[in-house]
Amino acid sequence: MQERRAKARDGATKGDRVVATNRRARHDYDIIDTLECGLVLTGSEVKSLREGRAQIAEGYARVDDGELWLFQTHVPPWAFAVGFGSHDPDRKRKLLAHRHQIDKWHQLTRTQPLTMVPLQLYFKDGRAKLELALVKGRTLYDRRNAIAKRDAERDMARATKNLERFS
């Protein structure tokens, strides 16, 4: 126990651990900008996240009354929190960001067809963080083009690698 505390104090163990990712977001949307936000959580939510249990695939963020809120994310109740200690798994959660960033993104989402989508939920230095992205939706045609472009780049990289190996 003391060794682990000493390692943590010395910085030998990194506190970064991914809890949940939204892989569909990179496929369905064009990412314009990203932002790292803190989350306001209750104790049982933190314990549940430390167990690696969360779903952010259906989530989105919105600015209400000048504050940034995260909607439709599911953090299941911690198994040992009953009654008073448990939380609502689908409640809206407040996101912590700088005022100028919130105002800038709120202005962009009001004037353009953009939305805010969570990309990743993780722990950084013992604190829960959310990578939030400002995105624009892709049409089916755009998605197919993105897949074709990615496959072509992969084939070119493979061909150059083989050319270097055999020449």
N, C-alpha and C. Protein backbone atom coordinates (compact mmCIF):
# COMPACT_ATOMS: atom_id res chain seq x y z
N MET A 1 0.83 -1.19 0.00
CA MET A 1 0.00 0.00 0.00
C MET A 1 0.87 1.25 0.00
N GLN A 2 1.91 1.26 0.81
CA GLN A 2 2.79 2.41 0.88
C GLN A 2 3.57 2.59 -0.42
N GLU A 3 3.92 1.47 -1.06
CA GLU A 3 4.65 1.55 -2.33
C GLU A 3 3.78 2.21 -3.40
N ARG A 4 2.51 1.84 -3.41
CA ARG A 4 1.59 2.40 -4.40
C ARG A 4 1.43 3.91 -4.18
N ARG A 5 1.33 4.31 -2.92
CA ARG A 5 1.22 5.74 -2.63
C ARG A 5 2.48 6.48 -3.04
N ALA A 6 3.62 5.85 -2.81
CA ALA A 6 4.89 6.49 -3.19
C ALA A 6 4.99 6.63 -4.70
N LYS A 7 4.55 5.61 -5.45
CA LYS A 7 4.58 5.69 -6.91
C LYS A 7 3.64 6.79 -7.40
N ALA A 8 2.46 6.86 -6.80
CA ALA A 8 1.50 7.88 -7.20
C ALA A 8 2.03 9.27 -6.89
N ARG A 9 2.70 9.40 -5.75
CA ARG A 9 3.24 10.69 -5.36
C ARG A 9 4.39 11.10 -6.29
N ASP A 10 5.18 10.13 -6.72
CA ASP A 10 6.32 10.41 -7.59
C ASP A 10 5.91 10.58 -9.05
N GLY A 11 4.68 10.24 -9.39
CA GLY A 11 4.23 10.37 -10.76
C GLY A 11 4.57 9.15 -11.61
N ALA A 12 4.94 8.04 -10.98
CA ALA A 12 5.30 6.85 -11.73
C ALA A 12 4.07 6.19 -12.36
N THR A 13 2.92 6.32 -11.72
CA THR A 13 1.70 5.77 -12.28
C THR A 13 0.87 6.91 -12.84
N LYS A 14 0.47 6.77 -14.07
CA LYS A 14 -0.36 7.80 -14.68
C LYS A 14 -1.80 7.53 -14.31
N GLY A 15 -2.54 8.58 -14.01
CA GLY A 15 -3.94 8.45 -13.62
C GLY A 15 -4.87 8.43 -14.81
N ASP A 16 -4.35 8.42 -16.01
CA ASP A 16 -5.20 8.47 -17.20
C ASP A 16 -5.74 7.08 -17.50
N ARG A 17 -7.06 6.96 -17.50
CA ARG A 17 -7.68 5.69 -17.82
C ARG A 17 -9.01 5.97 -18.51
N VAL A 18 -9.18 5.41 -19.69
CA VAL A 18 -10.39 5.63 -20.48
C VAL A 18 -11.51 4.78 -19.92
N VAL A 19 -12.66 5.40 -19.68
CA VAL A 19 -13.83 4.71 -19.16
C VAL A 19 -14.77 4.34 -20.29
N ALA A 20 -15.05 5.30 -21.19
CA ALA A 20 -15.98 5.06 -22.29
C ALA A 20 -15.57 5.90 -23.49
N THR A 21 -15.78 5.35 -24.68
CA THR A 21 -15.52 6.09 -25.91
C THR A 21 -16.76 6.06 -26.80
N ASN A 22 -16.87 7.05 -27.63
CA ASN A 22 -17.97 7.14 -28.59
C ASN A 22 -17.37 6.98 -29.98
N ARG A 23 -17.19 5.74 -30.40
CA ARG A 23 -16.54 5.47 -31.68
C ARG A 23 -17.42 5.85 -32.86
N ARG A 24 -18.72 5.80 -32.70
CA ARG A 24 -19.63 6.16 -33.79
C ARG A 24 -19.55 7.64 -34.14
N ALA A 25 -19.18 8.46 -33.17
CA ALA A 25 -19.14 9.90 -33.42
C ALA A 25 -18.13 10.25 -34.50
N ARG A 26 -16.99 9.59 -34.51
CA ARG A 26 -15.96 9.88 -35.53
C ARG A 26 -16.42 9.42 -36.91
N HIS A 27 -17.34 8.47 -36.96
CA HIS A 27 -17.87 7.99 -38.23
C HIS A 27 -19.03 8.85 -38.72
N ASP A 28 -19.91 9.24 -37.80
CA ASP A 28 -21.13 9.94 -38.18
C ASP A 28 -20.98 11.45 -38.32
N TYR A 29 -19.91 12.03 -37.77
CA TYR A 29 -19.77 13.47 -37.74
C TYR A 29 -18.40 13.92 -38.23
N ASP A 30 -18.33 15.14 -38.74
CA ASP A 30 -17.07 15.82 -39.01
C ASP A 30 -16.74 16.61 -37.76
N ILE A 31 -15.60 16.32 -37.16
CA ILE A 31 -15.21 16.99 -35.92
C ILE A 31 -14.54 18.31 -36.26
N ILE A 32 -15.08 19.39 -35.72
CA ILE A 32 -14.57 20.73 -35.99
C ILE A 32 -13.60 21.16 -34.90
N ASP A 33 -13.96 20.94 -33.64
CA ASP A 33 -13.13 21.37 -32.52
C ASP A 33 -13.40 20.44 -31.34
N THR A 34 -12.42 20.31 -30.44
CA THR A 34 -12.60 19.49 -29.24
C THR A 34 -12.28 20.32 -28.01
N LEU A 35 -12.81 19.87 -26.88
CA LEU A 35 -12.66 20.58 -25.62
C LEU A 35 -12.65 19.56 -24.49
N GLU A 36 -11.73 19.74 -23.54
CA GLU A 36 -11.69 18.87 -22.36
C GLU A 36 -12.47 19.55 -21.24
N CYS A 37 -13.48 18.85 -20.72
CA CYS A 37 -14.33 19.40 -19.67
C CYS A 37 -14.26 18.51 -18.44
N GLY A 38 -14.46 19.10 -17.30
CA GLY A 38 -14.65 18.35 -16.07
C GLY A 38 -16.12 18.04 -15.91
N LEU A 39 -16.44 17.10 -15.02
CA LEU A 39 -17.83 16.72 -14.77
C LEU A 39 -18.15 16.91 -13.30
N VAL A 40 -19.38 17.33 -13.02
CA VAL A 40 -19.86 17.39 -11.64
C VAL A 40 -20.58 16.08 -11.39
N LEU A 41 -20.01 15.24 -10.49
CA LEU A 41 -20.54 13.91 -10.23
C LEU A 41 -20.78 13.71 -8.74
N THR A 42 -21.65 12.75 -8.43
CA THR A 42 -21.84 12.34 -7.05
C THR A 42 -20.86 11.21 -6.74
N GLY A 43 -20.75 10.85 -5.47
CA GLY A 43 -19.79 9.83 -5.07
C GLY A 43 -20.03 8.47 -5.69
N SER A 44 -21.29 8.05 -5.76
CA SER A 44 -21.57 6.73 -6.33
C SER A 44 -21.32 6.71 -7.84
N GLU A 45 -21.48 7.85 -8.51
CA GLU A 45 -21.18 7.92 -9.94
C GLU A 45 -19.69 7.75 -10.19
N VAL A 46 -18.87 8.36 -9.35
CA VAL A 46 -17.42 8.24 -9.50
C VAL A 46 -17.00 6.79 -9.30
N LYS A 47 -17.55 6.12 -8.30
CA LYS A 47 -17.20 4.73 -8.05
C LYS A 47 -17.64 3.84 -9.20
N SER A 48 -18.80 4.12 -9.77
CA SER A 48 -19.27 3.36 -10.92
C SER A 48 -18.37 3.59 -12.13
N LEU A 49 -17.93 4.82 -12.33
CA LEU A 49 -17.03 5.12 -13.45
C LEU A 49 -15.68 4.44 -13.25
N ARG A 50 -15.20 4.39 -12.03
CA ARG A 50 -13.93 3.72 -11.77
C ARG A 50 -14.00 2.23 -12.08
N GLU A 51 -15.19 1.65 -12.01
CA GLU A 51 -15.38 0.27 -12.42
C GLU A 51 -15.44 0.14 -13.94
N GLY A 52 -15.47 1.26 -14.66
CA GLY A 52 -15.48 1.25 -16.12
C GLY A 52 -16.85 1.07 -16.72
N ARG A 53 -17.86 1.52 -16.01
CA ARG A 53 -19.23 1.31 -16.48
C ARG A 53 -19.87 2.65 -16.82
N ALA A 54 -19.96 2.94 -18.10
CA ALA A 54 -20.65 4.15 -18.57
C ALA A 54 -20.94 4.01 -20.06
N GLN A 55 -21.99 4.69 -20.50
CA GLN A 55 -22.36 4.67 -21.91
C GLN A 55 -22.57 6.13 -22.35
N ILE A 56 -21.80 6.56 -23.34
CA ILE A 56 -21.91 7.94 -23.82
C ILE A 56 -22.29 8.02 -25.29
N ALA A 57 -22.59 6.89 -25.91
CA ALA A 57 -22.84 6.86 -27.35
C ALA A 57 -24.04 7.71 -27.77
N GLU A 58 -25.06 7.78 -26.95
CA GLU A 58 -26.26 8.54 -27.30
C GLU A 58 -26.24 9.95 -26.73
N GLY A 59 -25.17 10.32 -26.07
CA GLY A 59 -25.12 11.60 -25.36
C GLY A 59 -24.91 12.80 -26.26
N TYR A 60 -25.28 13.95 -25.73
CA TYR A 60 -25.04 15.23 -26.38
C TYR A 60 -24.96 16.29 -25.29
N ALA A 61 -24.40 17.43 -25.64
CA ALA A 61 -24.29 18.53 -24.68
C ALA A 61 -25.05 19.74 -25.22
N ARG A 62 -25.48 20.58 -24.28
CA ARG A 62 -26.24 21.76 -24.64
C ARG A 62 -25.97 22.85 -23.61
N VAL A 63 -26.05 24.09 -24.04
CA VAL A 63 -25.88 25.22 -23.13
C VAL A 63 -27.26 25.67 -22.68
N ASP A 64 -27.50 25.63 -21.36
CA ASP A 64 -28.75 26.11 -20.76
C ASP A 64 -28.41 27.15 -19.71
N ASP A 65 -28.95 28.34 -19.86
CA ASP A 65 -28.73 29.44 -18.91
C ASP A 65 -27.25 29.71 -18.68
N GLY A 66 -26.46 29.65 -19.73
CA GLY A 66 -25.04 29.96 -19.64
C GLY A 66 -24.19 28.86 -19.04
N GLU A 67 -24.77 27.68 -18.80
CA GLU A 67 -24.02 26.55 -18.26
C GLU A 67 -24.07 25.39 -19.25
N LEU A 68 -23.01 24.61 -19.28
CA LEU A 68 -22.89 23.49 -20.20
C LEU A 68 -23.37 22.22 -19.51
N TRP A 69 -24.32 21.51 -20.12
CA TRP A 69 -24.92 20.31 -19.53
C TRP A 69 -24.78 19.14 -20.49
N LEU A 70 -24.60 17.95 -19.93
CA LEU A 70 -24.49 16.71 -20.69
C LEU A 70 -25.77 15.91 -20.50
N PHE A 71 -26.39 15.50 -21.61
CA PHE A 71 -27.66 14.78 -21.59
C PHE A 71 -27.50 13.38 -22.16
N GLN A 72 -28.39 12.49 -21.78
CA GLN A 72 -28.54 11.12 -22.30
C GLN A 72 -27.28 10.29 -22.22
N THR A 73 -26.55 10.42 -21.15
CA THR A 73 -25.45 9.49 -20.87
C THR A 73 -25.89 8.63 -19.71
N HIS A 74 -25.47 7.39 -19.73
CA HIS A 74 -25.92 6.44 -18.72
C HIS A 74 -24.73 6.00 -17.86
N VAL A 75 -24.79 6.32 -16.58
CA VAL A 75 -23.82 5.84 -15.61
C VAL A 75 -24.61 4.98 -14.64
N PRO A 76 -24.48 3.65 -14.74
CA PRO A 76 -25.30 2.78 -13.89
C PRO A 76 -24.96 2.95 -12.41
N PRO A 77 -25.93 2.70 -11.54
CA PRO A 77 -25.68 2.86 -10.11
C PRO A 77 -24.59 1.89 -9.63
N TRP A 78 -23.83 2.36 -8.67
CA TRP A 78 -22.81 1.52 -8.05
C TRP A 78 -23.50 0.42 -7.28
N ALA A 79 -22.97 -0.79 -7.34
CA ALA A 79 -23.62 -1.96 -6.75
C ALA A 79 -23.84 -1.82 -5.25
N PHE A 80 -22.95 -1.12 -4.55
CA PHE A 80 -23.04 -1.05 -3.10
C PHE A 80 -23.71 0.22 -2.59
N ALA A 81 -24.18 1.07 -3.50
CA ALA A 81 -24.88 2.29 -3.09
C ALA A 81 -26.38 2.02 -3.15
N VAL A 82 -27.01 2.03 -2.02
CA VAL A 82 -28.46 1.77 -1.96
C VAL A 82 -29.13 2.92 -1.24
N GLY A 83 -30.36 3.18 -1.62
CA GLY A 83 -31.14 4.21 -0.94
C GLY A 83 -30.58 5.60 -1.15
N PHE A 84 -30.15 6.20 -0.07
CA PHE A 84 -29.69 7.59 -0.09
C PHE A 84 -28.43 7.78 -0.92
N GLY A 85 -27.54 6.77 -0.94
CA GLY A 85 -26.27 6.90 -1.63
C GLY A 85 -26.32 6.69 -3.12
N SER A 86 -27.43 6.20 -3.66
CA SER A 86 -27.49 5.91 -5.09
C SER A 86 -27.87 7.17 -5.87
N HIS A 87 -27.74 7.10 -7.19
CA HIS A 87 -28.02 8.24 -8.05
C HIS A 87 -28.92 7.83 -9.20
N ASP A 88 -29.49 8.81 -9.87
CA ASP A 88 -30.29 8.57 -11.07
C ASP A 88 -29.32 8.33 -12.23
N PRO A 89 -29.36 7.16 -12.87
CA PRO A 89 -28.36 6.84 -13.88
C PRO A 89 -28.43 7.70 -15.14
N ASP A 90 -29.58 8.28 -15.45
CA ASP A 90 -29.74 9.03 -16.70
C ASP A 90 -29.93 10.52 -16.47
N ARG A 91 -29.50 11.03 -15.34
CA ARG A 91 -29.69 12.45 -15.05
C ARG A 91 -28.77 13.30 -15.92
N LYS A 92 -29.12 14.58 -16.04
CA LYS A 92 -28.23 15.49 -16.77
C LYS A 92 -27.09 15.87 -15.84
N ARG A 93 -25.90 16.02 -16.42
CA ARG A 93 -24.70 16.30 -15.63
C ARG A 93 -24.08 17.61 -16.10
N LYS A 94 -23.66 18.38 -15.13
CA LYS A 94 -23.05 19.67 -15.44
C LYS A 94 -21.61 19.47 -15.88
N LEU A 95 -21.21 20.17 -16.94
CA LEU A 95 -19.84 20.12 -17.43
C LEU A 95 -19.13 21.41 -17.03
N LEU A 96 -17.86 21.27 -16.68
CA LEU A 96 -17.07 22.40 -16.23
C LEU A 96 -16.11 22.83 -17.33
N ALA A 97 -16.28 24.06 -17.80
CA ALA A 97 -15.42 24.62 -18.84
C ALA A 97 -15.30 26.12 -18.58
N HIS A 98 -14.34 26.74 -19.24
CA HIS A 98 -14.15 28.18 -19.09
C HIS A 98 -15.30 28.94 -19.74
N ARG A 99 -15.64 30.07 -19.18
CA ARG A 99 -16.76 30.88 -19.66
C ARG A 99 -16.60 31.26 -21.13
N HIS A 100 -15.40 31.66 -21.54
CA HIS A 100 -15.22 32.09 -22.94
C HIS A 100 -15.40 30.92 -23.90
N GLN A 101 -15.04 29.70 -23.48
CA GLN A 101 -15.24 28.53 -24.34
C GLN A 101 -16.72 28.20 -24.46
N ILE A 102 -17.44 28.28 -23.35
CA ILE A 102 -18.89 28.01 -23.38
C ILE A 102 -19.59 29.02 -24.28
N ASP A 103 -19.26 30.29 -24.11
CA ASP A 103 -19.90 31.34 -24.92
C ASP A 103 -19.58 31.18 -26.41
N LYS A 104 -18.33 30.84 -26.71
CA LYS A 104 -17.92 30.67 -28.11
C LYS A 104 -18.69 29.52 -28.75
N TRP A 105 -18.77 28.37 -28.07
CA TRP A 105 -19.45 27.21 -28.63
C TRP A 105 -20.96 27.44 -28.70
N HIS A 106 -21.51 28.15 -27.73
CA HIS A 106 -22.94 28.44 -27.74
C HIS A 106 -23.29 29.31 -28.95
N GLN A 107 -22.45 30.29 -29.22
CA GLN A 107 -22.66 31.16 -30.39
C GLN A 107 -22.58 30.35 -31.69
N LEU A 108 -21.60 29.44 -31.78
CA LEU A 108 -21.45 28.63 -32.99
C LEU A 108 -22.64 27.69 -33.19
N THR A 109 -23.13 27.07 -32.13
CA THR A 109 -24.26 26.14 -32.27
C THR A 109 -25.57 26.87 -32.57
N ARG A 110 -25.68 28.13 -32.17
CA ARG A 110 -26.89 28.89 -32.49
C ARG A 110 -26.90 29.36 -33.93
N THR A 111 -25.73 29.68 -34.49
CA THR A 111 -25.69 30.28 -35.83
C THR A 111 -25.43 29.27 -36.95
N GLN A 112 -24.92 28.08 -36.62
CA GLN A 112 -24.60 27.09 -37.64
C GLN A 112 -25.24 25.75 -37.25
N PRO A 113 -25.40 24.84 -38.22
CA PRO A 113 -25.97 23.53 -37.89
C PRO A 113 -24.92 22.61 -37.24
N LEU A 114 -24.54 22.94 -36.02
CA LEU A 114 -23.53 22.18 -35.29
C LEU A 114 -24.13 21.67 -33.99
N THR A 115 -23.50 20.64 -33.45
CA THR A 115 -23.92 20.10 -32.16
C THR A 115 -22.70 19.72 -31.36
N MET A 116 -22.90 19.46 -30.08
CA MET A 116 -21.81 19.06 -29.19
C MET A 116 -22.01 17.61 -28.77
N VAL A 117 -21.00 16.79 -29.03
CA VAL A 117 -21.09 15.35 -28.80
C VAL A 117 -19.89 14.90 -27.95
N PRO A 118 -20.12 14.03 -26.95
CA PRO A 118 -18.98 13.51 -26.17
C PRO A 118 -18.22 12.47 -26.97
N LEU A 119 -16.90 12.56 -26.95
CA LEU A 119 -16.06 11.59 -27.65
C LEU A 119 -15.48 10.55 -26.70
N GLN A 120 -15.09 10.99 -25.51
CA GLN A 120 -14.38 10.09 -24.61
C GLN A 120 -14.59 10.54 -23.16
N LEU A 121 -14.77 9.57 -22.28
CA LEU A 121 -14.87 9.82 -20.85
C LEU A 121 -13.71 9.10 -20.19
N TYR A 122 -12.92 9.83 -19.41
CA TYR A 122 -11.70 9.24 -18.86
C TYR A 122 -11.33 9.91 -17.55
N PHE A 123 -10.38 9.30 -16.85
CA PHE A 123 -9.83 9.88 -15.63
C PHE A 123 -8.46 10.46 -15.95
N LYS A 124 -8.22 11.67 -15.49
CA LYS A 124 -6.93 12.32 -15.67
C LYS A 124 -6.51 12.88 -14.31
N ASP A 125 -5.42 12.36 -13.80
CA ASP A 125 -4.92 12.75 -12.48
C ASP A 125 -5.99 12.59 -11.41
N GLY A 126 -6.76 11.52 -11.50
CA GLY A 126 -7.77 11.21 -10.49
C GLY A 126 -9.09 11.94 -10.65
N ARG A 127 -9.23 12.75 -11.66
CA ARG A 127 -10.47 13.49 -11.88
C ARG A 127 -11.14 13.02 -13.18
N ALA A 128 -12.46 12.95 -13.14
CA ALA A 128 -13.21 12.53 -14.33
C ALA A 128 -13.25 13.67 -15.34
N LYS A 129 -12.88 13.37 -16.57
CA LYS A 129 -12.87 14.36 -17.65
C LYS A 129 -13.67 13.83 -18.83
N LEU A 130 -14.18 14.74 -19.62
CA LEU A 130 -14.94 14.39 -20.81
C LEU A 130 -14.37 15.17 -21.98
N GLU A 131 -14.05 14.45 -23.06
CA GLU A 131 -13.63 15.13 -24.28
C GLU A 131 -14.88 15.39 -25.10
N LEU A 132 -15.19 16.65 -25.25
CA LEU A 132 -16.39 17.08 -25.95
C LEU A 132 -15.99 17.63 -27.31
N ALA A 133 -16.78 17.32 -28.33
CA ALA A 133 -16.45 17.76 -29.68
C ALA A 133 -17.58 18.60 -30.26
N LEU A 134 -17.21 19.61 -30.98
CA LEU A 134 -18.16 20.41 -31.76
C LEU A 134 -18.17 19.78 -33.15
N VAL A 135 -19.33 19.28 -33.57
CA VAL A 135 -19.39 18.46 -34.78
C VAL A 135 -20.47 18.94 -35.74
N LYS A 136 -20.29 18.53 -36.99
CA LYS A 136 -21.29 18.75 -38.03
C LYS A 136 -21.65 17.39 -38.59
N GLY A 137 -22.92 17.10 -38.76
CA GLY A 137 -23.37 15.80 -39.22
C GLY A 137 -22.96 15.50 -40.65
N ARG A 138 -22.63 14.24 -40.89
CA ARG A 138 -22.29 13.79 -42.24
C ARG A 138 -23.51 13.13 -42.86
N THR A 139 -23.64 13.28 -44.17
CA THR A 139 -24.67 12.53 -44.88
C THR A 139 -24.12 11.15 -45.20
N LEU A 140 -24.96 10.27 -45.68
CA LEU A 140 -24.53 8.92 -46.03
C LEU A 140 -23.46 8.97 -47.12
N TYR A 141 -23.61 9.89 -48.06
CA TYR A 141 -22.64 10.04 -49.13
C TYR A 141 -21.27 10.45 -48.56
N ASP A 142 -21.28 11.39 -47.62
CA ASP A 142 -20.02 11.83 -47.00
C ASP A 142 -19.36 10.70 -46.22
N ARG A 143 -20.17 9.89 -45.54
CA ARG A 143 -19.61 8.77 -44.78
C ARG A 143 -18.92 7.77 -45.70
N ARG A 144 -19.57 7.49 -46.81
CA ARG A 144 -18.97 6.54 -47.77
C ARG A 144 -17.68 7.10 -48.34
N ASN A 145 -17.64 8.39 -48.63
CA ASN A 145 -16.41 9.01 -49.12
C ASN A 145 -15.30 8.96 -48.08
N ALA A 146 -15.64 9.17 -46.82
CA ALA A 146 -14.64 9.14 -45.76
C ALA A 146 -14.06 7.73 -45.62
N ILE A 147 -14.91 6.71 -45.72
CA ILE A 147 -14.43 5.33 -45.63
C ILE A 147 -13.53 5.00 -46.82
N ALA A 148 -13.94 5.42 -48.03
CA ALA A 148 -13.14 5.16 -49.23
C ALA A 148 -11.80 5.87 -49.14
N LYS A 149 -11.79 7.10 -48.65
CA LYS A 149 -10.55 7.86 -48.52
C LYS A 149 -9.61 7.19 -47.51
N ARG A 150 -10.16 6.76 -46.37
CA ARG A 150 -9.36 6.09 -45.34
C ARG A 150 -8.78 4.78 -45.87
N ASP A 151 -9.58 4.01 -46.63
CA ASP A 151 -9.08 2.76 -47.21
C ASP A 151 -7.98 3.02 -48.24
N ALA A 152 -8.15 4.07 -49.05
CA ALA A 152 -7.13 4.40 -50.05
C ALA A 152 -5.82 4.81 -49.38
N GLU A 153 -5.92 5.61 -48.32
CA GLU A 153 -4.70 6.01 -47.59
C GLU A 153 -4.01 4.80 -46.96
N ARG A 154 -4.79 3.89 -46.44
CA ARG A 154 -4.24 2.67 -45.84
C ARG A 154 -3.53 1.83 -46.89
N ASP A 155 -4.15 1.70 -48.08
CA ASP A 155 -3.52 0.93 -49.16
C ASP A 155 -2.23 1.58 -49.65
N MET A 156 -2.21 2.91 -49.74
CA MET A 156 -0.99 3.61 -50.16
C MET A 156 0.12 3.42 -49.12
N ALA A 157 -0.23 3.51 -47.85
CA ALA A 157 0.77 3.33 -46.80
C ALA A 157 1.32 1.91 -46.84
N ARG A 158 0.45 0.94 -47.06
CA ARG A 158 0.87 -0.46 -47.14
C ARG A 158 1.79 -0.67 -48.34
N ALA A 159 1.43 -0.07 -49.49
CA ALA A 159 2.24 -0.22 -50.70
C ALA A 159 3.63 0.40 -50.53
N THR A 160 3.70 1.59 -49.92
CA THR A 160 5.01 2.22 -49.72
C THR A 160 5.83 1.43 -48.72
N LYS A 161 5.21 0.85 -47.73
CA LYS A 161 5.92 0.04 -46.74
C LYS A 161 6.51 -1.20 -47.42
N ASN A 162 5.71 -1.84 -48.27
CA ASN A 162 6.21 -3.02 -49.00
C ASN A 162 7.31 -2.64 -49.99
N LEU A 163 7.17 -1.48 -50.63
CA LEU A 163 8.18 -1.03 -51.58
C LEU A 163 9.51 -0.78 -50.87
N GLU A 164 9.46 -0.18 -49.70
CA GLU A 164 10.68 0.07 -48.93
C GLU A 164 11.30 -1.22 -48.43
N ARG A 165 10.48 -2.18 -48.09
CA ARG A 165 10.98 -3.45 -47.56
C ARG A 165 11.69 -4.26 -48.64
N PHE A 166 11.14 -4.27 -49.88
CA PHE A 166 11.69 -5.11 -50.93
C PHE A 166 12.65 -4.40 -51.86
N SER A 167 12.94 -3.15 -51.66
CA SER A 167 13.88 -2.47 -52.55
C SER A 167 15.23 -2.26 -51.88
